[in-house]
Amino acid sequence: MRILVVEDEQPLADAVARGLRREGLAVDIAYDGPDGQEKAAVTRYDVIVLDRDLPRLSGDELCREIVASEALTRVLMLTASGSVEDRVEGLSLGADDYLAKPFAFNELVARVRALGRRSTPAVPPVLTATELVLDSARRRVRRPGGEMDLTRKEFGVLEVLLAADGAVVSSEELLERVWDEHADPFTTTVRVTVMTLRKKLGEPGVIDTVVGSGYRIPSAGAEVVLDTSDAGRS
């Protein structure tokens, strides 16, 4: 899941981003309205955590622009005021959810994940393929042999592939969905992560390589068997 935190209080923005990254989410940060506006225009975010009181361009105005663009991004608005009137006003701008400062971080995470599941297409909290089960909320992956210890990036790649429901996901899309804006677009990190993920998942293999296109986890009942050999993995 790709998140943008737009917050002018830099220590708070950095703390929120660190916490969300520990939860396995890819997070970018903007410290003012125009920077958030630019990043929201060029990157497809699942959720934007947006402060209302921003310098140079208000959170209210940025929220209106995001809603008007008909993007699939969900907006979680933050504010120092927790009054009913303020919450109603924020939601009337088109925000999907509203959280008053100060807030419990666990609540922020829960709301971000809930909004992410409402993206299009909607992603259920538990994803499965054959005997593989991924629980996003508990961050657990199980096969018949037991639970697996995955890194945050391995978990993120597996989550994106399972959510694709059999569709092919390119390396570029995996890089965009799982890594943040600092990732090198020419890196081999996606290929290496998929390789280590395959080893941890064990046999029978579940991740297919579609040469020249990307990776996929066949949905239940899929009849086409693609290249899962070492020669076809890239």
Protein backbone atom coordinates (compact mmCIF):
# COMPACT_ATOMS: atom_id res chain seq x y z
CA MET A 1 0.00 0.00 0.00
CA ARG A 2 1.40 3.43 -0.98
CA ILE A 3 0.77 6.32 1.43
CA LEU A 4 1.44 10.07 1.27
CA VAL A 5 1.71 12.01 4.53
CA VAL A 6 1.14 15.76 4.02
CA GLU A 7 1.97 17.48 7.32
CA ASP A 8 3.88 20.71 7.96
CA GLU A 9 4.97 19.73 11.48
CA GLN A 10 8.10 17.92 10.35
CA PRO A 11 8.73 15.89 13.55
CA LEU A 12 5.13 14.62 13.46
CA ALA A 13 5.27 13.85 9.74
CA ASP A 14 8.54 11.96 10.14
CA ALA A 15 7.24 10.03 13.16
CA VAL A 16 4.04 9.03 11.36
CA ALA A 17 6.03 7.95 8.29
CA ARG A 18 8.44 5.85 10.37
CA GLY A 19 5.56 4.17 12.17
CA LEU A 20 3.68 3.38 8.95
CA ARG A 21 6.85 2.01 7.37
CA ARG A 22 7.26 -0.31 10.36
CA GLU A 23 3.79 -1.57 9.46
CA GLY A 24 5.10 -2.51 6.03
CA LEU A 25 3.63 0.43 4.10
CA ALA A 26 5.44 2.49 1.47
CA VAL A 27 5.34 6.11 2.63
CA ASP A 28 6.24 9.44 1.04
CA ILE A 29 6.22 12.78 2.88
CA ALA A 30 5.30 16.35 1.89
CA TYR A 31 5.84 19.21 4.34
CA ASP A 32 3.57 21.73 2.68
CA GLY A 33 0.55 21.96 0.39
CA PRO A 34 2.26 22.55 -2.98
CA ASP A 35 4.68 19.66 -2.42
CA GLY A 36 1.75 17.40 -1.53
CA GLN A 37 -0.14 18.66 -4.57
CA GLU A 38 2.76 17.80 -6.88
CA LYS A 39 3.31 14.33 -5.45
CA ALA A 40 -0.40 13.50 -5.52
CA ALA A 41 -0.50 14.51 -9.19
CA VAL A 42 2.30 12.19 -10.32
CA THR A 43 1.92 9.14 -8.04
CA ARG A 44 -1.13 6.95 -7.43
CA TYR A 45 -1.49 6.76 -3.66
CA ASP A 46 -3.89 4.45 -1.90
CA VAL A 47 -4.30 6.85 1.02
CA ILE A 48 -3.25 10.44 1.68
CA VAL A 49 -2.95 11.47 5.33
CA LEU A 50 -3.65 15.18 5.02
CA ASP A 51 -3.33 17.95 7.61
CA ARG A 52 -5.96 20.68 7.19
CA ASP A 53 -3.71 23.54 8.33
CA LEU A 54 -0.93 23.59 5.74
CA PRO A 55 1.25 26.51 4.59
CA ARG A 56 1.06 27.90 1.03
CA LEU A 57 -1.86 25.65 0.05
CA SER A 58 -4.42 24.59 2.63
CA GLY A 59 -5.33 20.98 3.24
CA ASP A 60 -8.93 21.89 2.47
CA GLU A 61 -8.02 23.11 -1.00
CA LEU A 62 -5.77 20.13 -1.68
CA CYS A 63 -8.57 17.79 -0.59
CA ARG A 64 -10.97 19.49 -3.01
CA GLU A 65 -8.46 19.05 -5.85
CA ILE A 66 -7.95 15.36 -5.10
CA VAL A 67 -11.70 14.73 -5.01
CA ALA A 68 -12.26 16.77 -8.19
CA SER A 69 -9.58 14.77 -10.02
CA GLU A 70 -11.69 11.64 -9.48
CA ALA A 71 -8.57 9.81 -8.31
CA LEU A 72 -9.09 6.53 -6.48
CA THR A 73 -7.04 7.87 -3.56
CA ARG A 74 -8.69 7.93 -0.13
CA VAL A 75 -8.12 10.96 2.09
CA LEU A 76 -7.68 10.80 5.87
CA MET A 77 -7.81 14.37 7.16
CA LEU A 78 -5.98 15.45 10.32
CA THR A 79 -6.83 18.52 12.38
CA ALA A 80 -6.02 20.07 15.73
CA SER A 81 -9.73 20.62 16.32
CA GLY A 82 -11.95 17.72 17.30
CA SER A 83 -15.29 19.52 17.34
CA VAL A 84 -18.28 18.00 15.61
CA GLU A 85 -18.60 21.06 13.37
CA ASP A 86 -14.98 20.75 12.27
CA ARG A 87 -15.35 17.04 11.50
CA VAL A 88 -18.51 17.69 9.49
CA GLU A 89 -16.79 20.46 7.55
CA GLY A 90 -13.80 18.25 6.78
CA LEU A 91 -15.95 15.39 5.57
CA SER A 92 -18.05 17.75 3.48
CA LEU A 93 -14.91 18.62 1.51
CA GLY A 94 -14.81 15.03 0.31
CA ALA A 95 -12.42 13.50 2.86
CA ASP A 96 -13.09 9.82 3.49
CA ASP A 97 -12.20 9.90 7.16
CA TYR A 98 -11.23 12.37 9.85
CA LEU A 99 -8.86 12.16 12.85
CA ALA A 100 -8.28 14.82 15.49
CA LYS A 101 -4.85 15.55 16.98
CA PRO A 102 -3.49 14.24 19.24
CA PHE A 103 -4.31 10.72 18.12
CA ALA A 104 -3.29 7.19 19.08
CA PHE A 105 -0.96 5.80 16.44
CA ASN A 106 -2.70 2.41 16.46
CA GLU A 107 -5.93 4.16 15.53
CA LEU A 108 -4.22 5.97 12.66
CA VAL A 109 -2.87 2.67 11.33
CA ALA A 110 -6.29 1.02 11.59
CA ARG A 111 -7.96 3.88 9.74
CA VAL A 112 -5.30 3.95 7.01
CA ARG A 113 -5.63 0.21 6.44
CA ALA A 114 -9.43 0.44 6.39
CA LEU A 115 -9.30 3.19 3.78
CA GLY A 116 -6.77 1.25 1.75
CA ARG A 117 -9.16 -1.71 1.60
CA ARG A 118 -11.77 0.62 0.13
CA SER A 119 -9.61 1.42 -2.86
CA THR A 120 -10.70 0.16 -6.28
CA PRO A 121 -10.72 -2.74 -6.70
CA ALA A 122 -11.48 -3.41 -3.06
CA VAL A 123 -8.92 -5.63 -1.35
CA PRO A 124 -10.08 -7.99 1.41
CA PRO A 125 -8.07 -8.08 4.67
CA VAL A 126 -7.21 -11.78 4.18
CA LEU A 127 -5.82 -12.90 0.80
CA THR A 128 -5.44 -16.50 -0.29
CA ALA A 129 -4.02 -18.56 -3.14
CA THR A 130 -4.21 -22.35 -3.02
CA GLU A 131 -2.81 -23.12 0.47
CA LEU A 132 -1.19 -19.72 1.02
CA VAL A 133 -2.93 -17.28 3.41
CA LEU A 134 -1.90 -13.65 3.96
CA ASP A 135 -3.49 -11.67 6.80
CA SER A 136 -2.79 -7.97 6.18
CA ALA A 137 -3.99 -6.70 9.55
CA ARG A 138 -1.96 -9.21 11.59
CA ARG A 139 0.90 -9.22 9.07
CA ARG A 140 1.01 -12.99 8.96
CA VAL A 141 1.64 -15.38 6.09
CA ARG A 142 0.86 -19.08 6.47
CA ARG A 143 1.26 -22.25 4.44
CA PRO A 144 0.51 -25.77 5.67
CA GLY A 145 4.03 -25.97 7.11
CA GLY A 146 3.40 -23.02 9.42
CA GLU A 147 3.91 -19.24 9.53
CA MET A 148 6.63 -17.54 7.50
CA ASP A 149 9.01 -14.80 8.56
CA LEU A 150 8.99 -12.25 5.73
CA THR A 151 10.65 -8.86 5.53
CA ARG A 152 8.42 -5.81 5.05
CA LYS A 153 9.24 -5.65 1.34
CA GLU A 154 8.68 -9.37 0.81
CA PHE A 155 5.33 -9.10 2.57
CA GLY A 156 4.42 -6.05 0.46
CA VAL A 157 5.29 -7.76 -2.82
CA LEU A 158 3.29 -10.85 -1.86
CA GLU A 159 0.33 -8.70 -0.82
CA VAL A 160 0.30 -6.82 -4.15
CA LEU A 161 0.57 -10.04 -6.18
CA LEU A 162 -2.23 -11.73 -4.25
CA ALA A 163 -4.45 -8.63 -4.49
CA ALA A 164 -4.02 -8.68 -8.28
CA ASP A 165 -6.11 -11.89 -8.31
CA GLY A 166 -4.17 -13.62 -11.06
CA ALA A 167 -3.32 -10.53 -13.12
CA VAL A 168 0.27 -9.84 -14.12
CA VAL A 169 2.04 -7.15 -12.07
CA SER A 170 5.08 -5.49 -13.64
CA SER A 171 8.32 -4.83 -11.81
CA GLU A 172 7.66 -1.12 -12.26
CA GLU A 173 4.29 -1.39 -10.56
CA LEU A 174 5.73 -3.43 -7.70
CA LEU A 175 8.40 -0.78 -7.23
CA GLU A 176 5.72 1.93 -7.15
CA ARG A 177 3.35 0.06 -4.80
CA VAL A 178 5.84 -1.37 -2.30
CA TRP A 179 8.80 1.01 -2.27
CA ASP A 180 8.74 4.79 -1.72
CA GLU A 181 9.86 7.76 -3.81
CA HIS A 182 13.52 7.22 -2.91
CA ALA A 183 13.70 3.86 -4.70
CA ASP A 184 16.02 3.77 -7.71
CA PRO A 185 13.89 2.96 -10.80
CA PHE A 186 16.88 1.14 -12.33
CA THR A 187 17.52 -1.05 -9.30
CA THR A 188 17.31 -4.85 -9.30
CA THR A 189 15.71 -4.81 -5.86
CA VAL A 190 12.35 -6.09 -7.14
CA ARG A 191 13.94 -9.09 -8.83
CA VAL A 192 16.06 -9.87 -5.76
CA THR A 193 13.07 -9.50 -3.42
CA VAL A 194 10.94 -11.83 -5.55
CA MET A 195 13.81 -14.35 -5.60
CA THR A 196 14.18 -14.39 -1.80
CA LEU A 197 10.39 -14.46 -1.39
CA ARG A 198 10.15 -17.53 -3.61
CA LYS A 199 12.76 -19.32 -1.51
CA LYS A 200 10.90 -18.56 1.72
CA LEU A 201 7.54 -19.65 0.31
CA GLY A 202 9.05 -22.99 -0.67
CA GLU A 203 7.48 -25.65 -2.85
CA PRO A 204 5.25 -25.91 -4.70
CA GLY A 205 6.09 -22.50 -6.12
CA VAL A 206 3.28 -19.95 -6.32
CA ILE A 207 4.88 -16.98 -8.10
CA ASP A 208 5.10 -17.22 -11.87
CA THR A 209 7.32 -15.09 -14.07
CA VAL A 210 5.66 -13.76 -17.22
CA VAL A 211 8.71 -13.05 -19.35
CA GLY A 212 8.87 -9.43 -20.46
CA SER A 213 5.81 -8.48 -18.42
CA GLY A 214 6.24 -9.18 -14.72
CA TYR A 215 4.96 -11.60 -12.09
CA ARG A 216 1.69 -13.21 -11.14
CA ILE A 217 0.18 -15.62 -8.63
CA PRO A 218 -2.41 -17.65 -10.57
CA SER A 219 -5.90 -17.36 -9.14
CA ALA A 220 -7.82 -20.47 -8.13
CA GLY A 221 -8.73 -22.58 -11.12
CA ALA A 222 -6.16 -21.04 -13.46
CA GLU A 223 -5.19 -23.53 -16.16
CA VAL A 224 -2.18 -21.83 -17.70
CA VAL A 225 1.14 -22.93 -16.19
CA LEU A 226 3.79 -20.25 -16.70
CA ASP A 227 7.56 -20.35 -16.28
CA THR A 228 8.52 -20.79 -12.61
CA SER A 229 11.97 -22.20 -13.29
CA ASP A 230 15.17 -20.39 -12.36
CA ALA A 231 15.82 -19.70 -16.05
CA GLY A 232 12.57 -17.78 -16.33
CA ARG A 233 12.95 -15.75 -13.17
CA SER A 234 13.96 -12.16 -13.70
